[in-house]
């Protein structure tokens, strides 16, 4: 009976190497993509439409799209920070 109980128990064995580097790499790539999306959104918001003679409607649409990109970038950054902290605390 004791042997069956020991087999049912899950034992976590710490593994050095392998998975830690890939998690860091994924987090860093996510940070870089987040910064790129935020910067593109800011550029679109400032410059507006890049056509030769844009209408006011086109300018407005591009500025809205830029602000959406900035918002998505911030959401992505917060998600990456939560993911990184979750991995550290073991939750």
PDB file of N, CA and C in Angstrom:
ATOM      1  N   UNK A   1       0.818  -1.190   0.000  1.00  0.00           N
ATOM      2  CA  UNK A   1       0.000   0.000   0.000  1.00  0.00           C
ATOM      3  C   UNK A   1       0.864   1.257   0.000  1.00  0.00           C
ATOM      4  N   UNK A   2       1.942   1.222   0.761  1.00  0.00           N
ATOM      5  CA  UNK A   2       2.818   2.378   0.840  1.00  0.00           C
ATOM      6  C   UNK A   2       3.472   2.665  -0.511  1.00  0.00           C
ATOM      7  N   UNK A   3       3.821   1.622  -1.210  1.00  0.00           N
ATOM      8  CA  UNK A   3       4.469   1.794  -2.507  1.00  0.00           C
ATOM      9  C   UNK A   3       3.535   2.467  -3.504  1.00  0.00           C
ATOM     10  N   UNK A   4       2.263   2.121  -3.514  1.00  0.00           N
ATOM     11  CA  UNK A   4       1.295   2.744  -4.422  1.00  0.00           C
ATOM     12  C   UNK A   4       1.153   4.228  -4.111  1.00  0.00           C
ATOM     13  N   UNK A   5       1.127   4.571  -2.833  1.00  0.00           N
ATOM     14  CA  UNK A   5       1.029   5.986  -2.458  1.00  0.00           C
ATOM     15  C   UNK A   5       2.241   6.765  -2.942  1.00  0.00           C
ATOM     16  N   UNK A   6       3.417   6.159  -2.855  1.00  0.00           N
ATOM     17  CA  UNK A   6       4.624   6.833  -3.319  1.00  0.00           C
ATOM     18  C   UNK A   6       4.612   7.044  -4.829  1.00  0.00           C
ATOM     19  N   UNK A   7       4.024   6.100  -5.567  1.00  0.00           N
ATOM     20  CA  UNK A   7       3.960   6.240  -7.016  1.00  0.00           C
ATOM     21  C   UNK A   7       2.966   7.308  -7.437  1.00  0.00           C
ATOM     22  N   UNK A   8       1.910   7.498  -6.669  1.00  0.00           N
ATOM     23  CA  UNK A   8       0.894   8.503  -7.004  1.00  0.00           C
ATOM     24  C   UNK A   8       1.395   9.923  -6.759  1.00  0.00           C
ATOM     25  N   UNK A   9       2.290  10.073  -5.820  1.00  0.00           N
ATOM     26  CA  UNK A   9       2.784  11.394  -5.465  1.00  0.00           C
ATOM     27  C   UNK A   9       3.626  11.966  -6.610  1.00  0.00           C
ATOM     28  N   UNK A  10       3.336  13.208  -6.964  1.00  0.00           N
ATOM     29  CA  UNK A  10       4.111  13.849  -8.024  1.00  0.00           C
ATOM     30  C   UNK A  10       5.317  14.544  -7.411  1.00  0.00           C
ATOM     31  N   UNK A  11       6.462  14.268  -7.957  1.00  0.00           N
ATOM     32  CA  UNK A  11       7.692  14.862  -7.463  1.00  0.00           C
ATOM     33  C   UNK A  11       8.246  15.757  -8.554  1.00  0.00           C
ATOM     34  N   UNK A  12       8.496  17.012  -8.211  1.00  0.00           N
ATOM     35  CA  UNK A  12       9.096  17.943  -9.168  1.00  0.00           C
ATOM     36  C   UNK A  12      10.602  17.928  -9.009  1.00  0.00           C
ATOM     37  N   UNK A  13      11.263  17.663 -10.090  1.00  0.00           N
ATOM     38  CA  UNK A  13      12.718  17.636 -10.093  1.00  0.00           C
ATOM     39  C   UNK A  13      13.193  18.861 -10.870  1.00  0.00           C
ATOM     40  N   UNK A  14      13.978  19.729 -10.237  1.00  0.00           N
ATOM     41  CA  UNK A  14      14.453  20.907 -10.962  1.00  0.00           C
ATOM     42  C   UNK A  14      15.406  20.518 -12.090  1.00  0.00           C
ATOM     43  N   UNK A  15      15.166  21.095 -13.259  1.00  0.00           N
ATOM     44  CA  UNK A  15      15.996  20.817 -14.421  1.00  0.00           C
ATOM     45  C   UNK A  15      16.770  22.078 -14.755  1.00  0.00           C
ATOM     46  N   UNK A  16      18.068  21.980 -14.825  1.00  0.00           N
ATOM     47  CA  UNK A  16      18.887  23.137 -15.148  1.00  0.00           C
ATOM     48  C   UNK A  16      19.090  23.214 -16.654  1.00  0.00           C
ATOM     49  N   UNK A  17      19.100  24.439 -17.161  1.00  0.00           N
ATOM     50  CA  UNK A  17      19.381  24.626 -18.582  1.00  0.00           C
ATOM     51  C   UNK A  17      18.126  24.724 -19.409  1.00  0.00           C
ATOM     52  N   UNK A  18      18.016  23.897 -20.415  1.00  0.00           N
ATOM     53  CA  UNK A  18      16.983  23.804 -21.428  1.00  0.00           C
ATOM     54  C   UNK A  18      15.869  24.817 -21.448  1.00  0.00           C
ATOM     55  N   UNK A  19      14.902  24.677 -20.597  1.00  0.00           N
ATOM     56  CA  UNK A  19      13.667  25.437 -20.676  1.00  0.00           C
ATOM     57  C   UNK A  19      13.831  26.889 -20.239  1.00  0.00           C
ATOM     58  N   UNK A  20      14.761  27.180 -19.358  1.00  0.00           N
ATOM     59  CA  UNK A  20      14.929  28.530 -18.829  1.00  0.00           C
ATOM     60  C   UNK A  20      15.340  29.497 -19.931  1.00  0.00           C
ATOM     61  N   UNK A  21      16.268  29.100 -20.771  1.00  0.00           N
ATOM     62  CA  UNK A  21      16.748  29.984 -21.834  1.00  0.00           C
ATOM     63  C   UNK A  21      15.663  30.259 -22.854  1.00  0.00           C
ATOM     64  N   UNK A  22      14.867  29.258 -23.192  1.00  0.00           N
ATOM     65  CA  UNK A  22      13.816  29.473 -24.181  1.00  0.00           C
ATOM     66  C   UNK A  22      12.747  30.409 -23.636  1.00  0.00           C
ATOM     67  N   UNK A  23      12.433  30.319 -22.334  1.00  0.00           N
ATOM     68  CA  UNK A  23      11.463  31.240 -21.744  1.00  0.00           C
ATOM     69  C   UNK A  23      11.983  32.670 -21.765  1.00  0.00           C
ATOM     70  N   UNK A  24      13.258  32.854 -21.469  1.00  0.00           N
ATOM     71  CA  UNK A  24      13.839  34.197 -21.504  1.00  0.00           C
ATOM     72  C   UNK A  24      13.829  34.746 -22.931  1.00  0.00           C
ATOM     73  N   UNK A  25      14.155  33.893 -23.883  1.00  0.00           N
ATOM     74  CA  UNK A  25      14.199  34.331 -25.272  1.00  0.00           C
ATOM     75  C   UNK A  25      12.797  34.731 -25.754  1.00  0.00           C
ATOM     76  N   UNK A  26      11.799  33.948 -25.421  1.00  0.00           N
ATOM     77  CA  UNK A  26      10.428  34.282 -25.802  1.00  0.00           C
ATOM     78  C   UNK A  26      10.006  35.597 -25.171  1.00  0.00           C
ATOM     79  N   UNK A  27      10.360  35.805 -23.913  1.00  0.00           N
ATOM     80  CA  UNK A  27      10.000  37.050 -23.228  1.00  0.00           C
ATOM     81  C   UNK A  27      10.679  38.243 -23.884  1.00  0.00           C
ATOM     82  N   UNK A  28      11.961  38.127 -24.218  1.00  0.00           N
ATOM     83  CA  UNK A  28      12.672  39.238 -24.841  1.00  0.00           C
ATOM     84  C   UNK A  28      12.127  39.547 -26.232  1.00  0.00           C
ATOM     85  N   UNK A  29      11.806  38.523 -26.997  1.00  0.00           N
ATOM     86  CA  UNK A  29      11.222  38.743 -28.325  1.00  0.00           C
ATOM     87  C   UNK A  29       9.874  39.441 -28.185  1.00  0.00           C
ATOM     88  N   UNK A  30       9.102  39.037 -27.189  1.00  0.00           N
ATOM     89  CA  UNK A  30       7.800  39.666 -26.948  1.00  0.00           C
ATOM     90  C   UNK A  30       7.981  41.138 -26.579  1.00  0.00           C
ATOM     91  N   UNK A  31       8.986  41.446 -25.754  1.00  0.00           N
ATOM     92  CA  UNK A  31       9.268  42.843 -25.397  1.00  0.00           C
ATOM     93  C   UNK A  31       9.648  43.660 -26.640  1.00  0.00           C
ATOM     94  N   UNK A  32      10.488  43.115 -27.488  1.00  0.00           N
ATOM     95  CA  UNK A  32      10.920  43.830 -28.693  1.00  0.00           C
ATOM     96  C   UNK A  32       9.737  44.082 -29.617  1.00  0.00           C
ATOM     97  N   UNK A  33       8.890  43.074 -29.809  1.00  0.00           N
ATOM     98  CA  UNK A  33       7.697  43.263 -30.644  1.00  0.00           C
ATOM     99  C   UNK A  33       6.753  44.298 -30.042  1.00  0.00           C
ATOM    100  N   UNK A  34       6.622  44.286 -28.729  1.00  0.00           N
ATOM    101  CA  UNK A  34       5.762  45.263 -28.057  1.00  0.00           C
ATOM    102  C   UNK A  34       6.276  46.676 -28.279  1.00  0.00           C
ATOM    103  N   UNK A  35       7.568  46.878 -28.125  1.00  0.00           N
ATOM    104  CA  UNK A  35       8.153  48.208 -28.336  1.00  0.00           C
ATOM    105  C   UNK A  35       7.983  48.638 -29.787  1.00  0.00           C
ATOM    106  N   UNK A  36       8.160  47.706 -30.730  1.00  0.00           N
ATOM    107  CA  UNK A  36       7.999  48.037 -32.148  1.00  0.00           C
ATOM    108  C   UNK A  36       6.563  48.445 -32.455  1.00  0.00           C
ATOM    109  N   UNK A  37       5.584  47.731 -31.905  1.00  0.00           N
ATOM    110  CA  UNK A  37       4.174  48.067 -32.151  1.00  0.00           C
ATOM    111  C   UNK A  37       3.845  49.432 -31.564  1.00  0.00           C
ATOM    112  N   UNK A  38       4.352  49.725 -30.373  1.00  0.00           N
ATOM    113  CA  UNK A  38       4.100  51.035 -29.752  1.00  0.00           C
ATOM    114  C   UNK A  38       4.722  52.147 -30.591  1.00  0.00           C
ATOM    115  N   UNK A  39       5.963  51.953 -31.052  1.00  0.00           N
ATOM    116  CA  UNK A  39       6.621  52.988 -31.850  1.00  0.00           C
ATOM    117  C   UNK A  39       5.905  53.215 -33.185  1.00  0.00           C
ATOM    118  N   UNK A  40       5.466  52.142 -33.837  1.00  0.00           N
ATOM    119  CA  UNK A  40       4.726  52.296 -35.092  1.00  0.00           C
ATOM    120  C   UNK A  40       3.420  53.042 -34.846  1.00  0.00           C
ATOM    121  N   UNK A  41       2.747  52.724 -33.748  1.00  0.00           N
ATOM    122  CA  UNK A  41       1.512  53.425 -33.411  1.00  0.00           C
ATOM    123  C   UNK A  41       1.738  54.904 -33.156  1.00  0.00           C
ATOM    124  N   UNK A  42       2.824  55.242 -32.484  1.00  0.00           N
ATOM    125  CA  UNK A  42       3.133  56.653 -32.217  1.00  0.00           C
ATOM    126  C   UNK A  42       3.441  57.386 -33.521  1.00  0.00           C
ATOM    127  N   UNK A  43       4.219  56.748 -34.397  1.00  0.00           N
ATOM    128  CA  UNK A  43       4.551  57.375 -35.687  1.00  0.00           C
ATOM    129  C   UNK A  43       3.287  57.602 -36.509  1.00  0.00           C
ATOM    130  N   UNK A  44       2.401  56.621 -36.536  1.00  0.00           N
ATOM    131  CA  UNK A  44       1.146  56.795 -37.278  1.00  0.00           C
ATOM    132  C   UNK A  44       0.290  57.901 -36.674  1.00  0.00           C
ATOM    133  N   UNK A  45       0.270  57.985 -35.350  1.00  0.00           N
ATOM    134  CA  UNK A  45      -0.532  59.021 -34.703  1.00  0.00           C
ATOM    135  C   UNK A  45       0.004  60.418 -34.990  1.00  0.00           C
ATOM    136  N   UNK A  46       1.306  60.553 -35.052  1.00  0.00           N
ATOM    137  CA  UNK A  46       1.913  61.873 -35.293  1.00  0.00           C
ATOM    138  C   UNK A  46       1.825  62.257 -36.769  1.00  0.00           C
ATOM    139  N   UNK A  47       2.235  61.346 -37.650  1.00  0.00           N
ATOM    140  CA  UNK A  47       2.298  61.675 -39.079  1.00  0.00           C
ATOM    141  C   UNK A  47       0.958  61.604 -39.776  1.00  0.00           C
ATOM    142  N   UNK A  48       0.089  60.736 -39.343  1.00  0.00           N
ATOM    143  CA  UNK A  48      -1.180  60.562 -40.041  1.00  0.00           C
ATOM    144  C   UNK A  48      -0.973  59.757 -41.313  1.00  0.00           C
ATOM    145  N   UNK A  49      -1.836  59.984 -42.287  1.00  0.00           N
ATOM    146  CA  UNK A  49      -1.766  59.248 -43.542  1.00  0.00           C
ATOM    147  C   UNK A  49      -0.557  59.703 -44.354  1.00  0.00           C
ATOM    148  N   UNK A  50       0.083  58.768 -45.031  1.00  0.00           N
ATOM    149  CA  UNK A  50       1.290  59.089 -45.797  1.00  0.00           C
ATOM    150  C   UNK A  50       1.003  59.263 -47.286  1.00  0.00           C
ATOM    151  N   UNK A  51      -0.239  59.527 -47.641  1.00  0.00           N
ATOM    152  CA  UNK A  51      -0.571  59.766 -49.037  1.00  0.00           C
ATOM    153  C   UNK A  51      -0.167  61.183 -49.428  1.00  0.00           C
ATOM    154  N   UNK A  52      -0.175  61.445 -50.738  1.00  0.00           N
ATOM    155  CA  UNK A  52       0.206  62.771 -51.220  1.00  0.00           C
ATOM    156  C   UNK A  52      -0.794  63.844 -50.782  1.00  0.00           C
ATOM    157  N   UNK A  53      -2.068  63.574 -50.966  1.00  0.00           N
ATOM    158  CA  UNK A  53      -3.110  64.535 -50.619  1.00  0.00           C
ATOM    159  C   UNK A  53      -4.203  63.819 -49.820  1.00  0.00           C
ATOM    160  N   UNK A  54      -3.944  63.518 -48.554  1.00  0.00           N
ATOM    161  CA  UNK A  54      -4.935  62.766 -47.765  1.00  0.00           C
ATOM    162  C   UNK A  54      -6.113  63.658 -47.369  1.00  0.00           C
ATOM    163  N   UNK A  55      -7.274  63.031 -47.266  1.00  0.00           N
ATOM    164  CA  UNK A  55      -8.455  63.753 -46.792  1.00  0.00           C
ATOM    165  C   UNK A  55      -8.468  63.717 -45.270  1.00  0.00           C
ATOM    166  N   UNK A  56      -9.333  64.530 -44.691  1.00  0.00           N
ATOM    167  CA  UNK A  56      -9.443  64.546 -43.234  1.00  0.00           C
ATOM    168  C   UNK A  56      -9.925  63.197 -42.698  1.00  0.00           C
ATOM    169  N   UNK A  57     -10.783  62.542 -43.450  1.00  0.00           N
ATOM    170  CA  UNK A  57     -11.278  61.232 -43.026  1.00  0.00           C
ATOM    171  C   UNK A  57     -10.142  60.212 -42.978  1.00  0.00           C
ATOM    172  N   UNK A  58      -9.277  60.220 -43.981  1.00  0.00           N
ATOM    173  CA  UNK A  58      -8.145  59.297 -43.996  1.00  0.00           C
ATOM    174  C   UNK A  58      -7.196  59.585 -42.834  1.00  0.00           C
ATOM    175  N   UNK A  59      -6.954  60.868 -42.580  1.00  0.00           N
ATOM    176  CA  UNK A  59      -6.078  61.245 -41.462  1.00  0.00           C
ATOM    177  C   UNK A  59      -6.648  60.729 -40.139  1.00  0.00           C
ATOM    178  N   UNK A  60      -7.946  60.879 -39.966  1.00  0.00           N
ATOM    179  CA  UNK A  60      -8.581  60.431 -38.734  1.00  0.00           C
ATOM    180  C   UNK A  60      -8.496  58.924 -38.555  1.00  0.00           C
ATOM    181  N   UNK A  61      -8.723  58.192 -39.652  1.00  0.00           N
ATOM    182  CA  UNK A  61      -8.662  56.732 -39.575  1.00  0.00           C
ATOM    183  C   UNK A  61      -7.265  56.245 -39.215  1.00  0.00           C
ATOM    184  N   UNK A  62      -6.263  56.872 -39.800  1.00  0.00           N
ATOM    185  CA  UNK A  62      -4.883  56.457 -39.525  1.00  0.00           C
ATOM    186  C   UNK A  62      -4.506  56.804 -38.088  1.00  0.00           C
ATOM    187  N   UNK A  63      -4.954  57.934 -37.594  1.00  0.00           N
ATOM    188  CA  UNK A  63      -4.647  58.302 -36.203  1.00  0.00           C
ATOM    189  C   UNK A  63      -5.338  57.371 -35.225  1.00  0.00           C
ATOM    190  N   UNK A  64      -6.568  56.966 -35.539  1.00  0.00           N
ATOM    191  CA  UNK A  64      -7.265  55.995 -34.685  1.00  0.00           C
ATOM    192  C   UNK A  64      -6.520  54.663 -34.709  1.00  0.00           C
ATOM    193  N   UNK A  65      -6.086  54.230 -35.884  1.00  0.00           N
ATOM    194  CA  UNK A  65      -5.333  52.982 -35.991  1.00  0.00           C
ATOM    195  C   UNK A  65      -4.023  53.073 -35.194  1.00  0.00           C
ATOM    196  N   UNK A  66      -3.383  54.226 -35.226  1.00  0.00           N
ATOM    197  CA  UNK A  66      -2.146  54.417 -34.452  1.00  0.00           C
ATOM    198  C   UNK A  66      -2.392  54.309 -32.959  1.00  0.00           C
ATOM    199  N   UNK A  67      -3.475  54.901 -32.494  1.00  0.00           N
ATOM    200  CA  UNK A  67      -3.784  54.821 -31.066  1.00  0.00           C
ATOM    201  C   UNK A  67      -4.156  53.396 -30.660  1.00  0.00           C
ATOM    202  N   UNK A  68      -4.827  52.662 -31.551  1.00  0.00           N
ATOM    203  CA  UNK A  68      -5.141  51.260 -31.266  1.00  0.00           C
ATOM    204  C   UNK A  68      -3.847  50.453 -31.152  1.00  0.00           C
ATOM    205  N   UNK A  69      -2.887  50.714 -32.035  1.00  0.00           N
ATOM    206  CA  UNK A  69      -1.602  50.008 -31.957  1.00  0.00           C
ATOM    207  C   UNK A  69      -0.861  50.331 -30.657  1.00  0.00           C
ATOM    208  N   UNK A  70      -0.910  51.595 -30.236  1.00  0.00           N
ATOM    209  CA  UNK A  70      -0.267  51.956 -28.975  1.00  0.00           C
ATOM    210  C   UNK A  70      -0.932  51.214 -27.818  1.00  0.00           C
ATOM    211  N   UNK A  71      -2.258  51.160 -27.836  1.00  0.00           N
ATOM    212  CA  UNK A  71      -2.983  50.440 -26.782  1.00  0.00           C
ATOM    213  C   UNK A  71      -2.656  48.946 -26.776  1.00  0.00           C
ATOM    214  N   UNK A  72      -2.606  48.347 -27.968  1.00  0.00           N
ATOM    215  CA  UNK A  72      -2.256  46.926 -28.053  1.00  0.00           C
ATOM    216  C   UNK A  72      -0.828  46.681 -27.573  1.00  0.00           C
ATOM    217  N   UNK A  73       0.056  47.628 -27.857  1.00  0.00           N
ATOM    218  CA  UNK A  73       1.433  47.494 -27.381  1.00  0.00           C
ATOM    219  C   UNK A  73       1.514  47.506 -25.862  1.00  0.00           C
ATOM    220  N   UNK A  74       0.751  48.408 -25.237  1.00  0.00           N
ATOM    221  CA  UNK A  74       0.752  48.445 -23.776  1.00  0.00           C
ATOM    222  C   UNK A  74       0.146  47.176 -23.186  1.00  0.00           C
ATOM    223  N   UNK A  75      -0.920  46.682 -23.787  1.00  0.00           N
ATOM    224  CA  UNK A  75      -1.520  45.428 -23.313  1.00  0.00           C
ATOM    225  C   UNK A  75      -0.517  44.280 -23.464  1.00  0.00           C
ATOM    226  N   UNK A  76       0.197  44.256 -24.585  1.00  0.00           N
ATOM    227  CA  UNK A  76       1.212  43.223 -24.785  1.00  0.00           C
ATOM    228  C   UNK A  76       2.347  43.318 -23.780  1.00  0.00           C
ATOM    229  N   UNK A  77       2.763  44.538 -23.463  1.00  0.00           N
ATOM    230  CA  UNK A  77       3.826  44.727 -22.474  1.00  0.00           C
ATOM    231  C   UNK A  77       3.408  44.275 -21.087  1.00  0.00           C
ATOM    232  N   UNK A  78       2.192  44.610 -20.706  1.00  0.00           N
ATOM    233  CA  UNK A  78       1.682  44.182 -19.400  1.00  0.00           C
ATOM    234  C   UNK A  78       1.568  42.658 -19.353  1.00  0.00           C
ATOM    235  N   UNK A  79       1.107  42.068 -20.452  1.00  0.00           N
ATOM    236  CA  UNK A  79       0.996  40.607 -20.520  1.00  0.00           C
ATOM    237  C   UNK A  79       2.369  39.953 -20.382  1.00  0.00           C
ATOM    238  N   UNK A  80       3.369  40.513 -21.034  1.00  0.00           N
ATOM    239  CA  UNK A  80       4.729  39.959 -20.933  1.00  0.00           C
ATOM    240  C   UNK A  80       5.265  40.069 -19.514  1.00  0.00           C
ATOM    241  N   UNK A  81       4.987  41.191 -18.836  1.00  0.00           N
ATOM    242  CA  UNK A  81       5.453  41.339 -17.458  1.00  0.00           C
ATOM    243  C   UNK A  81       4.763  40.344 -16.529  1.00  0.00           C
ATOM    244  N   UNK A  82       3.456  40.149 -16.728  1.00  0.00           N
ATOM    245  CA  UNK A  82       2.732  39.179 -15.903  1.00  0.00           C
ATOM    246  C   UNK A  82       3.271  37.780 -16.152  1.00  0.00           C
ATOM    247  N   UNK A  83       3.520  37.444 -17.428  1.00  0.00           N
ATOM    248  CA  UNK A  83       4.058  36.130 -17.778  1.00  0.00           C
ATOM    249  C   UNK A  83       5.425  35.917 -17.135  1.00  0.00           C
ATOM    250  N   UNK A  84       6.266  36.948 -17.170  1.00  0.00           N
ATOM    251  CA  UNK A  84       7.607  36.835 -16.596  1.00  0.00           C
ATOM    252  C   UNK A  84       7.538  36.666 -15.071  1.00  0.00           C
ATOM    253  N   UNK A  85       6.674  37.443 -14.408  1.00  0.00           N
ATOM    254  CA  UNK A  85       6.553  37.337 -12.958  1.00  0.00           C
ATOM    255  C   UNK A  85       5.906  36.028 -12.539  1.00  0.00           C
ATOM    256  N   UNK A  86       5.002  35.514 -13.354  1.00  0.00           N
ATOM    257  CA  UNK A  86       4.351  34.239 -13.055  1.00  0.00           C
ATOM    258  C   UNK A  86       5.373  33.104 -13.093  1.00  0.00           C
ATOM    259  N   UNK A  87       6.272  33.161 -14.061  1.00  0.00           N
ATOM    260  CA  UNK A  87       7.297  32.124 -14.164  1.00  0.00           C
ATOM    261  C   UNK A  87       8.265  32.168 -12.989  1.00  0.00           C
ATOM    262  N   UNK A  88       8.563  33.388 -12.488  1.00  0.00           N
ATOM    263  CA  UNK A  88       9.493  33.504 -11.366  1.00  0.00           C
ATOM    264  C   UNK A  88       8.882  32.975 -10.068  1.00  0.00           C
ATOM    265  N   UNK A  89       7.591  33.275  -9.852  1.00  0.00           N
ATOM    266  CA  UNK A  89       6.966  32.888  -8.592  1.00  0.00           C
ATOM    267  C   UNK A  89       6.491  31.448  -8.599  1.00  0.00           C
ATOM    268  N   UNK A  90       6.426  30.819  -9.778  1.00  0.00           N
ATOM    269  CA  UNK A  90       6.044  29.420  -9.860  1.00  0.00           C
ATOM    270  C   UNK A  90       4.548  29.174  -9.833  1.00  0.00           C
ATOM    271  N   UNK A  91       3.772  30.206 -10.132  1.00  0.00           N
ATOM    272  CA  UNK A  91       2.314  30.062 -10.149  1.00  0.00           C
ATOM    273  C   UNK A  91       1.875  29.409 -11.428  1.00  0.00           C
TER     274      UNK A  91
END
